[in-house]
N, C-alpha and C. Protein backbone atom coordinates (compact mmCIF):
# COMPACT_ATOMS: atom_id res chain seq x y z
N MET A 1 -14.52 34.60 -9.81
CA MET A 1 -13.66 35.38 -8.93
C MET A 1 -12.43 35.82 -9.72
N LYS A 2 -12.08 37.09 -9.57
CA LYS A 2 -10.92 37.64 -10.28
C LYS A 2 -9.68 37.52 -9.40
N PRO A 3 -8.49 37.45 -10.03
CA PRO A 3 -7.24 37.35 -9.24
C PRO A 3 -7.06 38.50 -8.26
N GLU A 4 -7.60 39.70 -8.59
CA GLU A 4 -7.45 40.85 -7.70
C GLU A 4 -8.29 40.68 -6.43
N GLU A 5 -9.35 39.88 -6.51
CA GLU A 5 -10.25 39.69 -5.37
C GLU A 5 -9.78 38.61 -4.40
N VAL A 6 -8.78 37.83 -4.80
CA VAL A 6 -8.29 36.73 -3.96
C VAL A 6 -7.49 37.30 -2.79
N ARG A 7 -7.86 36.88 -1.59
CA ARG A 7 -7.14 37.30 -0.39
C ARG A 7 -6.26 36.14 0.07
N LEU A 8 -4.96 36.39 0.14
CA LEU A 8 -4.01 35.36 0.56
C LEU A 8 -3.50 35.69 1.96
N PRO A 9 -3.78 34.84 2.94
CA PRO A 9 -3.29 35.11 4.30
C PRO A 9 -1.76 34.99 4.36
N GLU A 10 -1.12 35.99 4.95
CA GLU A 10 0.34 36.02 5.02
C GLU A 10 0.93 34.84 5.78
N GLU A 11 0.18 34.33 6.78
CA GLU A 11 0.71 33.21 7.57
C GLU A 11 0.76 31.90 6.78
N ALA A 12 0.06 31.86 5.63
CA ALA A 12 0.07 30.66 4.79
C ALA A 12 1.21 30.69 3.78
N LEU A 13 1.86 31.85 3.65
CA LEU A 13 2.91 32.03 2.64
C LEU A 13 4.30 32.03 3.26
N SER A 14 5.26 31.48 2.53
CA SER A 14 6.67 31.62 2.91
C SER A 14 7.49 31.80 1.64
N GLU A 15 8.41 32.75 1.69
CA GLU A 15 9.21 33.07 0.52
C GLU A 15 10.67 32.75 0.77
N LYS A 16 11.34 32.35 -0.30
CA LYS A 16 12.76 32.05 -0.25
C LYS A 16 13.34 32.56 -1.56
N PHE A 17 14.51 33.16 -1.49
CA PHE A 17 15.13 33.68 -2.70
C PHE A 17 16.32 32.83 -3.08
N LEU A 18 16.40 32.49 -4.38
CA LEU A 18 17.44 31.61 -4.88
C LEU A 18 18.19 32.29 -6.01
N ALA A 19 19.33 31.74 -6.35
CA ALA A 19 20.08 32.24 -7.50
C ALA A 19 19.32 31.82 -8.75
N ALA A 20 19.09 32.78 -9.63
CA ALA A 20 18.30 32.51 -10.84
C ALA A 20 19.20 32.26 -12.03
N THR A 21 18.61 31.69 -13.06
CA THR A 21 19.31 31.54 -14.33
C THR A 21 18.77 32.59 -15.28
N GLY A 22 19.34 32.70 -16.45
CA GLY A 22 18.81 33.61 -17.45
C GLY A 22 19.52 34.95 -17.49
N PRO A 23 18.84 35.99 -18.00
CA PRO A 23 19.50 37.28 -18.23
C PRO A 23 19.91 37.97 -16.93
N GLY A 24 20.92 38.77 -17.00
CA GLY A 24 21.37 39.50 -15.82
C GLY A 24 22.87 39.63 -15.75
N GLY A 25 23.58 38.99 -16.67
CA GLY A 25 25.05 39.11 -16.70
C GLY A 25 25.67 38.54 -15.45
N GLN A 26 26.71 39.20 -14.94
CA GLN A 26 27.40 38.72 -13.75
C GLN A 26 26.53 38.82 -12.51
N ASN A 27 25.51 39.67 -12.58
CA ASN A 27 24.61 39.84 -11.45
C ASN A 27 23.93 38.52 -11.08
N VAL A 28 23.67 37.67 -12.08
CA VAL A 28 23.01 36.39 -11.85
C VAL A 28 23.82 35.53 -10.89
N ASN A 29 25.14 35.59 -11.02
CA ASN A 29 26.02 34.76 -10.18
C ASN A 29 26.13 35.29 -8.75
N LYS A 30 25.82 36.56 -8.54
CA LYS A 30 26.04 37.17 -7.23
C LYS A 30 24.78 37.33 -6.39
N VAL A 31 23.64 37.59 -7.02
CA VAL A 31 22.45 37.97 -6.29
C VAL A 31 21.35 36.91 -6.44
N ALA A 32 20.70 36.57 -5.32
CA ALA A 32 19.59 35.62 -5.34
C ALA A 32 18.30 36.38 -5.67
N THR A 33 17.90 36.36 -6.95
CA THR A 33 16.74 37.13 -7.37
C THR A 33 15.49 36.29 -7.60
N ALA A 34 15.64 34.99 -7.85
CA ALA A 34 14.47 34.15 -8.10
C ALA A 34 13.71 33.95 -6.80
N CYS A 35 12.38 34.00 -6.87
CA CYS A 35 11.55 33.87 -5.69
C CYS A 35 10.84 32.52 -5.71
N GLN A 36 10.99 31.77 -4.64
CA GLN A 36 10.26 30.51 -4.48
C GLN A 36 9.21 30.75 -3.41
N LEU A 37 7.95 30.74 -3.84
CA LEU A 37 6.83 31.00 -2.94
C LEU A 37 6.21 29.66 -2.57
N ARG A 38 6.14 29.39 -1.26
CA ARG A 38 5.52 28.15 -0.78
C ARG A 38 4.24 28.53 -0.04
N VAL A 39 3.17 27.80 -0.35
CA VAL A 39 1.86 28.11 0.22
C VAL A 39 1.27 26.85 0.82
N ASP A 40 0.84 26.95 2.08
CA ASP A 40 0.14 25.85 2.72
C ASP A 40 -1.32 25.96 2.28
N VAL A 41 -1.74 25.08 1.36
CA VAL A 41 -3.08 25.22 0.78
C VAL A 41 -4.19 24.97 1.79
N PHE A 42 -3.90 24.25 2.87
CA PHE A 42 -4.92 23.99 3.88
C PHE A 42 -5.24 25.26 4.67
N ARG A 43 -4.29 26.20 4.73
CA ARG A 43 -4.51 27.45 5.46
C ARG A 43 -5.22 28.51 4.61
N LEU A 44 -5.43 28.20 3.33
CA LEU A 44 -6.13 29.15 2.47
C LEU A 44 -7.63 29.15 2.72
N GLY A 45 -8.13 28.11 3.37
CA GLY A 45 -9.54 28.03 3.71
C GLY A 45 -10.43 27.81 2.50
N LEU A 46 -9.99 26.95 1.59
CA LEU A 46 -10.78 26.66 0.39
C LEU A 46 -11.85 25.62 0.68
N SER A 47 -12.92 25.68 -0.08
CA SER A 47 -13.96 24.64 0.03
C SER A 47 -13.39 23.35 -0.56
N PRO A 48 -13.94 22.19 -0.18
CA PRO A 48 -13.43 20.93 -0.72
C PRO A 48 -13.44 20.86 -2.25
N ALA A 49 -14.46 21.43 -2.88
CA ALA A 49 -14.53 21.42 -4.34
C ALA A 49 -13.45 22.31 -4.95
N ALA A 50 -13.24 23.49 -4.36
CA ALA A 50 -12.20 24.40 -4.85
C ALA A 50 -10.82 23.80 -4.63
N TYR A 51 -10.64 23.12 -3.49
CA TYR A 51 -9.36 22.46 -3.22
C TYR A 51 -9.08 21.38 -4.26
N ALA A 52 -10.10 20.60 -4.62
CA ALA A 52 -9.92 19.54 -5.62
C ALA A 52 -9.55 20.14 -6.98
N ARG A 53 -10.19 21.27 -7.34
CA ARG A 53 -9.86 21.92 -8.61
C ARG A 53 -8.45 22.50 -8.57
N LEU A 54 -8.06 23.08 -7.42
CA LEU A 54 -6.71 23.62 -7.28
C LEU A 54 -5.68 22.51 -7.40
N LYS A 55 -5.97 21.38 -6.80
CA LYS A 55 -5.06 20.22 -6.86
C LYS A 55 -4.86 19.78 -8.31
N ALA A 56 -5.95 19.76 -9.08
CA ALA A 56 -5.86 19.36 -10.49
C ALA A 56 -5.10 20.41 -11.31
N LEU A 57 -5.34 21.70 -11.02
CA LEU A 57 -4.68 22.77 -11.78
C LEU A 57 -3.19 22.85 -11.45
N ALA A 58 -2.84 22.65 -10.18
CA ALA A 58 -1.45 22.79 -9.74
C ALA A 58 -0.58 21.67 -10.28
N GLY A 59 -1.11 20.45 -10.34
CA GLY A 59 -0.34 19.32 -10.85
C GLY A 59 0.89 19.06 -10.01
N SER A 60 2.07 19.08 -10.65
CA SER A 60 3.32 18.75 -9.95
C SER A 60 3.81 19.87 -9.04
N LYS A 61 3.17 21.04 -9.09
CA LYS A 61 3.57 22.14 -8.20
C LYS A 61 3.10 21.90 -6.77
N LEU A 62 2.17 20.95 -6.57
CA LEU A 62 1.64 20.65 -5.25
C LEU A 62 2.39 19.45 -4.67
N THR A 63 2.97 19.63 -3.47
CA THR A 63 3.72 18.55 -2.85
C THR A 63 2.77 17.61 -2.12
N ALA A 64 3.30 16.46 -1.70
CA ALA A 64 2.50 15.48 -0.96
C ALA A 64 2.05 16.03 0.38
N GLY A 65 2.82 16.97 0.94
CA GLY A 65 2.48 17.58 2.22
C GLY A 65 1.46 18.70 2.13
N GLY A 66 0.92 18.95 0.93
CA GLY A 66 -0.09 19.98 0.77
C GLY A 66 0.49 21.37 0.61
N GLU A 67 1.72 21.46 0.12
CA GLU A 67 2.35 22.75 -0.12
C GLU A 67 2.41 23.02 -1.62
N LEU A 68 1.99 24.20 -2.00
CA LEU A 68 2.04 24.62 -3.39
C LEU A 68 3.33 25.43 -3.57
N VAL A 69 4.17 25.02 -4.52
CA VAL A 69 5.46 25.68 -4.73
C VAL A 69 5.44 26.39 -6.08
N ILE A 70 5.62 27.71 -6.04
CA ILE A 70 5.67 28.51 -7.26
C ILE A 70 7.02 29.21 -7.31
N THR A 71 7.75 28.99 -8.40
CA THR A 71 9.06 29.62 -8.56
C THR A 71 8.98 30.66 -9.66
N ALA A 72 9.36 31.89 -9.33
CA ALA A 72 9.34 33.00 -10.30
C ALA A 72 10.76 33.48 -10.52
N ARG A 73 11.21 33.40 -11.77
CA ARG A 73 12.57 33.85 -12.09
C ARG A 73 12.58 34.63 -13.39
N ARG A 74 11.43 35.15 -13.76
CA ARG A 74 11.28 35.85 -15.04
C ARG A 74 12.00 37.20 -15.05
N TYR A 75 12.03 37.87 -13.90
CA TYR A 75 12.58 39.24 -13.85
C TYR A 75 13.95 39.27 -13.17
N ARG A 76 14.60 40.43 -13.26
CA ARG A 76 15.96 40.57 -12.71
C ARG A 76 16.00 41.02 -11.26
N THR A 77 14.85 41.45 -10.72
CA THR A 77 14.85 41.93 -9.34
C THR A 77 14.01 41.02 -8.45
N GLN A 78 14.38 41.00 -7.17
CA GLN A 78 13.64 40.20 -6.19
C GLN A 78 12.19 40.65 -6.11
N GLU A 79 11.98 41.95 -6.05
CA GLU A 79 10.64 42.50 -5.86
C GLU A 79 9.72 42.13 -7.04
N ALA A 80 10.24 42.25 -8.25
CA ALA A 80 9.44 41.91 -9.43
C ALA A 80 9.10 40.42 -9.44
N ASN A 81 10.05 39.58 -9.06
CA ASN A 81 9.79 38.14 -9.01
C ASN A 81 8.81 37.79 -7.89
N ARG A 82 8.90 38.50 -6.77
CA ARG A 82 7.96 38.27 -5.67
C ARG A 82 6.53 38.60 -6.12
N GLU A 83 6.38 39.75 -6.79
CA GLU A 83 5.06 40.15 -7.29
C GLU A 83 4.54 39.15 -8.33
N ASP A 84 5.43 38.67 -9.19
CA ASP A 84 5.06 37.71 -10.22
C ASP A 84 4.57 36.40 -9.59
N ALA A 85 5.27 35.92 -8.56
CA ALA A 85 4.89 34.68 -7.89
C ALA A 85 3.53 34.83 -7.22
N ARG A 86 3.32 35.95 -6.54
CA ARG A 86 2.03 36.18 -5.86
C ARG A 86 0.89 36.35 -6.85
N ARG A 87 1.16 37.01 -7.97
CA ARG A 87 0.13 37.18 -9.00
C ARG A 87 -0.25 35.82 -9.59
N ARG A 88 0.75 34.97 -9.86
CA ARG A 88 0.46 33.64 -10.41
C ARG A 88 -0.32 32.78 -9.42
N LEU A 89 0.01 32.91 -8.13
CA LEU A 89 -0.73 32.18 -7.11
C LEU A 89 -2.19 32.66 -7.06
N ALA A 90 -2.39 33.97 -7.10
CA ALA A 90 -3.75 34.52 -7.07
C ALA A 90 -4.55 34.06 -8.28
N GLU A 91 -3.92 34.01 -9.46
CA GLU A 91 -4.60 33.53 -10.66
C GLU A 91 -5.01 32.07 -10.51
N LEU A 92 -4.11 31.26 -9.94
CA LEU A 92 -4.38 29.84 -9.76
C LEU A 92 -5.55 29.62 -8.79
N VAL A 93 -5.54 30.36 -7.68
CA VAL A 93 -6.62 30.23 -6.69
C VAL A 93 -7.94 30.75 -7.26
N ALA A 94 -7.89 31.84 -8.03
CA ALA A 94 -9.11 32.38 -8.65
C ALA A 94 -9.68 31.39 -9.65
N GLU A 95 -8.81 30.73 -10.41
CA GLU A 95 -9.26 29.75 -11.40
C GLU A 95 -9.87 28.53 -10.70
N ALA A 96 -9.35 28.19 -9.51
CA ALA A 96 -9.87 27.05 -8.76
C ALA A 96 -11.28 27.32 -8.23
N HIS A 97 -11.63 28.60 -8.07
CA HIS A 97 -12.97 28.95 -7.58
C HIS A 97 -14.03 28.92 -8.68
N ILE A 98 -13.61 28.84 -9.95
CA ILE A 98 -14.56 28.83 -11.06
C ILE A 98 -15.16 27.43 -11.19
N VAL A 99 -16.48 27.37 -11.11
CA VAL A 99 -17.19 26.09 -11.22
C VAL A 99 -17.66 25.92 -12.66
N GLN A 100 -17.23 24.84 -13.28
CA GLN A 100 -17.64 24.55 -14.64
C GLN A 100 -19.09 24.09 -14.66
N ALA A 101 -19.84 24.55 -15.64
CA ALA A 101 -21.24 24.12 -15.77
C ALA A 101 -21.28 22.66 -16.19
N LYS A 102 -22.18 21.91 -15.56
CA LYS A 102 -22.31 20.49 -15.91
C LYS A 102 -22.95 20.37 -17.28
N ARG A 103 -22.45 19.44 -18.06
CA ARG A 103 -23.01 19.20 -19.38
C ARG A 103 -24.21 18.27 -19.24
N ARG A 104 -25.32 18.71 -19.77
CA ARG A 104 -26.51 17.86 -19.76
C ARG A 104 -26.57 17.13 -21.09
N PRO A 105 -26.50 15.79 -21.07
CA PRO A 105 -26.55 15.06 -22.33
C PRO A 105 -27.90 15.21 -23.00
N THR A 106 -27.89 15.45 -24.30
CA THR A 106 -29.13 15.62 -25.06
C THR A 106 -29.20 14.57 -26.16
N ARG A 107 -30.41 14.30 -26.61
CA ARG A 107 -30.60 13.35 -27.70
C ARG A 107 -31.12 14.09 -28.92
N PRO A 108 -30.69 13.67 -30.10
CA PRO A 108 -31.25 14.32 -31.29
C PRO A 108 -32.72 13.94 -31.47
N SER A 109 -33.49 14.87 -32.01
CA SER A 109 -34.93 14.61 -32.21
C SER A 109 -35.13 13.64 -33.37
N ARG A 110 -36.33 13.10 -33.48
CA ARG A 110 -36.64 12.16 -34.56
C ARG A 110 -36.47 12.85 -35.92
N ALA A 111 -36.89 14.11 -36.01
CA ALA A 111 -36.76 14.87 -37.27
C ALA A 111 -35.29 15.06 -37.64
N ALA A 112 -34.45 15.33 -36.63
CA ALA A 112 -33.02 15.53 -36.88
C ALA A 112 -32.38 14.23 -37.38
N LYS A 113 -32.78 13.10 -36.80
CA LYS A 113 -32.27 11.79 -37.24
C LYS A 113 -32.69 11.51 -38.68
N ALA A 114 -33.97 11.77 -38.99
CA ALA A 114 -34.48 11.53 -40.34
C ALA A 114 -33.75 12.40 -41.36
N LYS A 115 -33.52 13.66 -41.00
CA LYS A 115 -32.82 14.58 -41.90
C LYS A 115 -31.39 14.10 -42.15
N ARG A 116 -30.73 13.62 -41.09
CA ARG A 116 -29.37 13.12 -41.22
C ARG A 116 -29.31 11.93 -42.18
N VAL A 117 -30.25 10.98 -42.00
CA VAL A 117 -30.28 9.79 -42.85
C VAL A 117 -30.56 10.19 -44.30
N GLU A 118 -31.49 11.13 -44.49
CA GLU A 118 -31.84 11.59 -45.85
C GLU A 118 -30.64 12.24 -46.52
N THR A 119 -29.90 13.05 -45.79
CA THR A 119 -28.71 13.70 -46.33
C THR A 119 -27.67 12.66 -46.72
N LYS A 120 -27.50 11.64 -45.87
CA LYS A 120 -26.53 10.57 -46.17
C LYS A 120 -26.94 9.83 -47.44
N LYS A 121 -28.23 9.58 -47.59
CA LYS A 121 -28.71 8.88 -48.78
C LYS A 121 -28.46 9.70 -50.04
N SER A 122 -28.73 11.01 -49.96
CA SER A 122 -28.55 11.86 -51.14
C SER A 122 -27.06 11.96 -51.50
N ARG A 123 -26.20 12.05 -50.50
CA ARG A 123 -24.75 12.08 -50.78
C ARG A 123 -24.30 10.77 -51.39
N GLY A 124 -24.86 9.65 -50.88
CA GLY A 124 -24.53 8.33 -51.44
C GLY A 124 -24.95 8.22 -52.89
N ALA A 125 -26.12 8.78 -53.20
CA ALA A 125 -26.61 8.74 -54.59
C ALA A 125 -25.71 9.56 -55.51
N ILE A 126 -25.28 10.70 -55.04
CA ILE A 126 -24.38 11.55 -55.83
C ILE A 126 -23.08 10.79 -56.12
N LYS A 127 -22.52 10.15 -55.08
CA LYS A 127 -21.26 9.42 -55.24
C LYS A 127 -21.44 8.19 -56.13
N ALA A 128 -22.60 7.53 -56.02
CA ALA A 128 -22.86 6.36 -56.85
C ALA A 128 -22.93 6.74 -58.33
N GLY A 129 -23.38 7.96 -58.60
CA GLY A 129 -23.48 8.44 -59.98
C GLY A 129 -22.13 8.77 -60.59
N ARG A 130 -21.06 8.74 -59.83
CA ARG A 130 -19.72 9.08 -60.33
C ARG A 130 -19.00 7.88 -60.94
N GLY A 131 -19.61 6.71 -60.84
CA GLY A 131 -18.96 5.51 -61.35
C GLY A 131 -18.82 5.51 -62.86
N LYS A 132 -18.17 4.44 -63.41
CA LYS A 132 -17.98 4.34 -64.85
C LYS A 132 -19.34 4.12 -65.51
N VAL A 133 -19.49 4.71 -66.66
CA VAL A 133 -20.72 4.58 -67.42
C VAL A 133 -20.64 3.27 -68.22
N ARG A 134 -21.67 2.41 -68.09
CA ARG A 134 -21.71 1.14 -68.82
C ARG A 134 -22.78 1.23 -69.90
N LEU A 135 -22.46 0.70 -71.05
CA LEU A 135 -23.44 0.68 -72.13
C LEU A 135 -24.00 -0.73 -72.22
N ASP A 136 -25.22 -0.97 -71.74
CA ASP A 136 -25.83 -2.30 -71.77
C ASP A 136 -26.77 -2.46 -72.93
């Protein structure tokens, strides 16, 4: 699933604007441009497996109450930060929908084992030949 395909219900989102740090000169002290996006993950309607992956991906951004908190303060305008927060949320939800392929454990074949042992023996012989030469 691509981030553009993720549908986020508006009733699950709440935005709050805070005073940001960083570039902006005196404007930083006057205008609340940073966007704090809070999402109720239970209202997103994720499958249990996708929810578990989202929980692992979100880490400390997920509160005990099941709220995902994303703070965007990269840009100087409220609108740009709002778009950035929503884009990051969509990417996170899209990544949670990706199911990793299970690894099937395999065993090396008898021929592969024999070849490995033979290679080790030949390397050992080469290294043994590097010792001091003795005249008996």
